[in-house]
Amino acid sequence: MPRPGLLRRALAEGLAAFALVFAGCGAIVTDSVRDGVLGATGVAAVFGLVIMVMIYATGHLSGAHINPAVTIAFTLTRHFPPRDALAYVVAQLVGASAGALVLLAAWSAKPAALGATVPSAASGTALLYEFFMSALLMFVIVAVATDTRAVGAAAAIAIGGTVALDALFGGPLTGASMNPARSFGPALAAGEWTDFWIYIVGPIGGATLGAGAYQVIRTPGGTAP
């Protein structure tokens, strides 16, 4: 089956990023307006589940990056063509912003800042958490997406599970973004830019480290063709 064109792949990325913000940040809003009905565990589960289902839905079309940090890390480690990276990143940012704007249309009072990521820990602590959570996520993504020995059908479960895991222990401290687009959309819709730089520097740096770390430990026999 021929690979879809860049426009169709970028559209898939935008739709997946829309779903991530609408569902994930929507869970944060629901938890806020309904007196903690979901709790931190429920919110983490929603983020993990939406990533899992969108990988199943769009992975065969675009690769389901759904995250500028993932696209950049794949590009830097030569698993993704630089000429396509800009289109992916723009689509991810637009999709995430659209998801947040739908939440704004539904909740004009902006409860929980529409899921905007604002660290509750010190900036340095938050940066370290975002960096290493993103590194862990990207390590798993590279393992299941580029190593022919990994079980392909389980990739979505592994990646969604990693997102949920990071959200469980890091969410209360940083919001467990690991994704500049996921942070950008709600920040734009809610006008909440406090320490936003953390959610650019941490995920991109961490994802690059995670991708590089797997490159170091893999063997030539596991390299994808």
Protein backbone atom coordinates (compact mmCIF):
# COMPACT_ATOMS: atom_id res chain seq x y z
CA MET A 1 0.00 0.00 0.00
CA PRO A 2 1.55 3.35 -1.03
CA ARG A 3 2.43 5.80 1.71
CA PRO A 4 -0.02 8.74 1.97
CA GLY A 5 1.17 12.12 0.74
CA LEU A 6 2.60 14.68 3.14
CA LEU A 7 -0.62 16.70 3.31
CA ARG A 8 -2.67 13.66 4.34
CA ARG A 9 -0.05 12.58 6.86
CA ALA A 10 0.07 16.06 8.36
CA LEU A 11 -3.73 16.10 8.57
CA ALA A 12 -3.61 12.81 10.49
CA GLU A 13 -1.09 14.35 12.89
CA GLY A 14 -3.33 17.38 13.40
CA LEU A 15 -6.39 15.26 14.10
CA ALA A 16 -4.48 13.12 16.58
CA ALA A 17 -3.16 16.21 18.39
CA PHE A 18 -6.71 17.59 18.48
CA ALA A 19 -7.93 14.39 20.13
CA LEU A 20 -5.08 14.45 22.63
CA VAL A 21 -5.92 17.94 23.86
CA PHE A 22 -9.69 17.65 23.62
CA ALA A 23 -9.77 14.38 25.58
CA GLY A 24 -6.75 14.78 27.85
CA CYS A 25 -7.15 18.42 28.76
CA GLY A 26 -10.91 17.91 28.71
CA ALA A 27 -10.40 15.33 31.47
CA ILE A 28 -8.53 17.93 33.53
CA VAL A 29 -11.41 20.38 33.06
CA THR A 30 -14.00 17.74 33.96
CA ASP A 31 -12.05 16.82 37.08
CA SER A 32 -11.96 20.49 38.07
CA VAL A 33 -15.62 21.31 37.55
CA ARG A 34 -16.90 18.03 39.03
CA ASP A 35 -14.96 18.14 42.31
CA GLY A 36 -12.23 15.66 41.46
CA VAL A 37 -14.46 12.97 39.97
CA LEU A 38 -11.56 11.56 37.92
CA GLY A 39 -8.63 12.24 40.21
CA ALA A 40 -4.98 12.18 39.16
CA THR A 41 -5.22 8.49 38.26
CA GLY A 42 -8.24 9.02 36.04
CA VAL A 43 -6.65 11.95 34.23
CA ALA A 44 -3.46 9.95 33.66
CA ALA A 45 -5.54 7.08 32.29
CA VAL A 46 -7.32 9.38 29.83
CA PHE A 47 -4.03 10.72 28.48
CA GLY A 48 -2.64 7.22 28.10
CA LEU A 49 -5.79 5.91 26.46
CA VAL A 50 -6.17 8.74 23.96
CA ILE A 51 -2.55 8.31 22.87
CA MET A 52 -3.08 4.57 22.54
CA VAL A 53 -6.22 4.83 20.42
CA MET A 54 -4.83 7.57 18.19
CA ILE A 55 -1.71 5.51 17.51
CA TYR A 56 -3.95 2.65 16.43
CA ALA A 57 -6.04 5.06 14.34
CA THR A 58 -3.29 7.07 12.65
CA GLY A 59 -0.04 5.17 13.09
CA HIS A 60 -0.35 3.44 9.71
CA LEU A 61 -0.93 6.81 8.05
CA SER A 62 1.54 9.24 9.61
CA GLY A 63 3.51 7.23 12.14
CA ALA A 64 1.50 8.92 14.92
CA HIS A 65 4.14 11.24 16.31
CA ILE A 66 1.45 13.55 17.79
CA ASN A 67 4.27 15.53 19.41
CA PRO A 68 6.79 18.04 18.01
CA ALA A 69 9.46 16.70 20.38
CA VAL A 70 9.02 13.22 18.90
CA THR A 71 9.18 14.55 15.35
CA ILE A 72 12.31 16.57 16.10
CA ALA A 73 14.01 13.65 17.86
CA PHE A 74 13.19 11.28 15.00
CA THR A 75 14.60 13.85 12.56
CA LEU A 76 17.81 14.34 14.53
CA THR A 77 18.38 10.57 14.72
CA ARG A 78 17.73 10.19 10.98
CA HIS A 79 14.51 8.21 11.29
CA PHE A 80 12.44 10.98 9.68
CA PRO A 81 13.10 13.23 6.67
CA PRO A 82 13.79 16.86 7.64
CA ARG A 83 11.70 18.09 4.69
CA ASP A 84 8.57 16.60 6.32
CA ALA A 85 9.28 17.65 9.90
CA LEU A 86 8.05 21.25 9.60
CA ALA A 87 4.69 20.16 8.19
CA TYR A 88 4.25 17.67 11.03
CA VAL A 89 5.12 20.20 13.75
CA VAL A 90 2.80 22.85 12.31
CA ALA A 91 -0.04 20.34 12.03
CA GLN A 92 0.49 19.18 15.61
CA LEU A 93 0.42 22.75 16.93
CA VAL A 94 -2.67 23.64 14.92
CA GLY A 95 -4.51 20.47 15.96
CA ALA A 96 -3.67 20.97 19.63
CA SER A 97 -4.78 24.60 19.46
CA ALA A 98 -8.06 23.60 17.82
CA GLY A 99 -8.71 21.09 20.60
CA ALA A 100 -8.09 23.75 23.24
CA LEU A 101 -10.29 26.27 21.44
CA VAL A 102 -13.17 23.79 21.45
CA LEU A 103 -12.73 23.48 25.21
CA LEU A 104 -12.71 27.28 25.45
CA ALA A 105 -15.97 27.42 23.49
CA ALA A 106 -17.51 24.95 25.94
CA TRP A 107 -16.02 26.50 29.10
CA SER A 108 -15.65 30.26 28.69
CA ALA A 109 -14.70 30.59 32.38
CA LYS A 110 -11.54 28.59 31.62
CA PRO A 111 -11.66 26.10 34.54
CA ALA A 112 -8.25 24.63 35.38
CA ALA A 113 -6.88 27.00 32.72
CA LEU A 114 -8.27 24.51 30.17
CA GLY A 115 -5.58 22.03 31.12
CA ALA A 116 -2.64 24.39 30.65
CA THR A 117 0.59 23.00 32.08
CA VAL A 118 1.86 25.17 34.93
CA PRO A 119 4.49 23.63 37.23
CA SER A 120 3.68 23.31 40.91
CA ALA A 121 7.32 22.51 41.64
CA ALA A 122 10.29 24.87 41.31
CA SER A 123 11.27 25.64 37.72
CA GLY A 124 14.46 23.61 37.90
CA THR A 125 12.67 20.60 39.32
CA ALA A 126 9.92 20.87 36.72
CA LEU A 127 12.48 21.08 33.92
CA LEU A 128 14.26 17.94 35.13
CA TYR A 129 10.98 16.03 35.37
CA GLU A 130 9.85 17.08 31.89
CA PHE A 131 13.28 16.27 30.48
CA PHE A 132 13.52 12.76 31.89
CA MET A 133 9.84 11.87 31.44
CA SER A 134 10.22 12.82 27.79
CA ALA A 135 13.44 10.81 27.55
CA LEU A 136 11.67 7.73 28.93
CA LEU A 137 8.76 8.20 26.54
CA MET A 138 11.00 8.62 23.50
CA PHE A 139 13.13 5.64 24.50
CA VAL A 140 10.02 3.47 24.42
CA ILE A 141 8.77 5.03 21.17
CA VAL A 142 12.06 4.41 19.36
CA ALA A 143 12.20 0.86 20.69
CA VAL A 144 8.76 -0.15 19.45
CA ALA A 145 8.70 2.00 16.29
CA THR A 146 12.13 1.43 14.77
CA ASP A 147 13.42 -1.92 16.06
CA THR A 148 12.24 -4.86 13.99
CA ARG A 149 12.46 -7.16 17.01
CA ALA A 150 9.80 -5.24 18.93
CA VAL A 151 6.21 -6.48 18.79
CA GLY A 152 4.52 -4.00 16.46
CA ALA A 153 0.92 -4.67 17.47
CA ALA A 154 1.73 -3.78 21.08
CA ALA A 155 3.40 -0.45 20.24
CA ALA A 156 0.32 1.63 20.99
CA ILE A 157 -0.16 -0.08 24.35
CA ALA A 158 3.50 0.43 25.30
CA ILE A 159 3.52 4.10 24.32
CA GLY A 160 0.13 4.88 25.86
CA GLY A 161 1.19 3.05 29.01
CA THR A 162 4.35 5.14 29.22
CA VAL A 163 2.35 8.35 28.89
CA ALA A 164 0.02 7.20 31.68
CA LEU A 165 2.97 6.15 33.85
CA ASP A 166 4.69 9.51 33.47
CA ALA A 167 1.41 11.31 34.15
CA LEU A 168 0.86 9.33 37.35
CA PHE A 169 4.09 10.39 39.01
CA GLY A 170 4.84 13.64 37.17
CA GLY A 171 1.40 15.06 36.52
CA PRO A 172 0.94 16.61 39.97
CA LEU A 173 4.30 18.40 39.60
CA THR A 174 4.41 19.60 35.99
CA GLY A 175 1.25 18.40 34.27
CA ALA A 176 3.40 15.71 32.60
CA SER A 177 3.28 17.37 29.21
CA MET A 178 6.22 15.75 27.40
CA ASN A 179 4.76 17.49 24.35
CA PRO A 180 5.17 21.14 23.28
CA ALA A 181 1.94 21.00 21.23
CA ARG A 182 -0.08 19.63 24.16
CA SER A 183 1.16 22.59 26.26
CA PHE A 184 0.88 25.18 23.49
CA GLY A 185 -2.80 24.66 22.68
CA PRO A 186 -4.20 25.23 26.20
CA ALA A 187 -1.69 28.02 26.87
CA LEU A 188 -2.92 29.84 23.77
CA ALA A 189 -6.62 29.32 24.53
CA ALA A 190 -6.35 30.19 28.23
CA GLY A 191 -3.67 32.88 27.94
CA GLU A 192 -1.58 31.01 30.52
CA TRP A 193 2.12 31.14 29.66
CA THR A 194 3.72 30.74 33.10
CA ASP A 195 7.07 28.94 32.70
CA PHE A 196 6.01 27.81 29.23
CA TRP A 197 9.66 27.53 28.18
CA ILE A 198 9.96 24.42 30.37
CA TYR A 199 7.51 22.62 28.08
CA ILE A 200 9.63 23.41 25.03
CA VAL A 201 13.13 22.82 26.35
CA GLY A 202 12.35 19.79 28.54
CA PRO A 203 10.46 17.64 26.02
CA ILE A 204 12.70 18.40 23.03
CA GLY A 205 15.92 17.86 24.98
CA GLY A 206 14.61 14.77 26.73
CA ALA A 207 13.19 13.19 23.59
CA THR A 208 16.49 13.72 21.80
CA LEU A 209 18.32 12.03 24.68
CA GLY A 210 15.87 9.11 24.75
CA ALA A 211 16.19 8.53 21.01
CA GLY A 212 19.96 8.70 21.18
CA ALA A 213 20.10 6.34 24.14
CA TYR A 214 18.24 3.61 22.28
CA GLN A 215 20.45 4.13 19.24
CA VAL A 216 23.48 3.45 21.45
CA ILE A 217 22.22 0.21 23.00
CA ARG A 218 20.52 -1.36 19.99
CA THR A 219 22.41 -3.84 17.85
CA PRO A 220 22.69 -3.74 14.05
CA GLY A 221 20.37 -6.73 13.82
CA GLY A 222 17.53 -4.70 15.29
CA THR A 223 17.78 -1.81 12.90
CA ALA A 224 14.69 -1.21 10.85
CA PRO A 225 15.23 -1.38 7.09
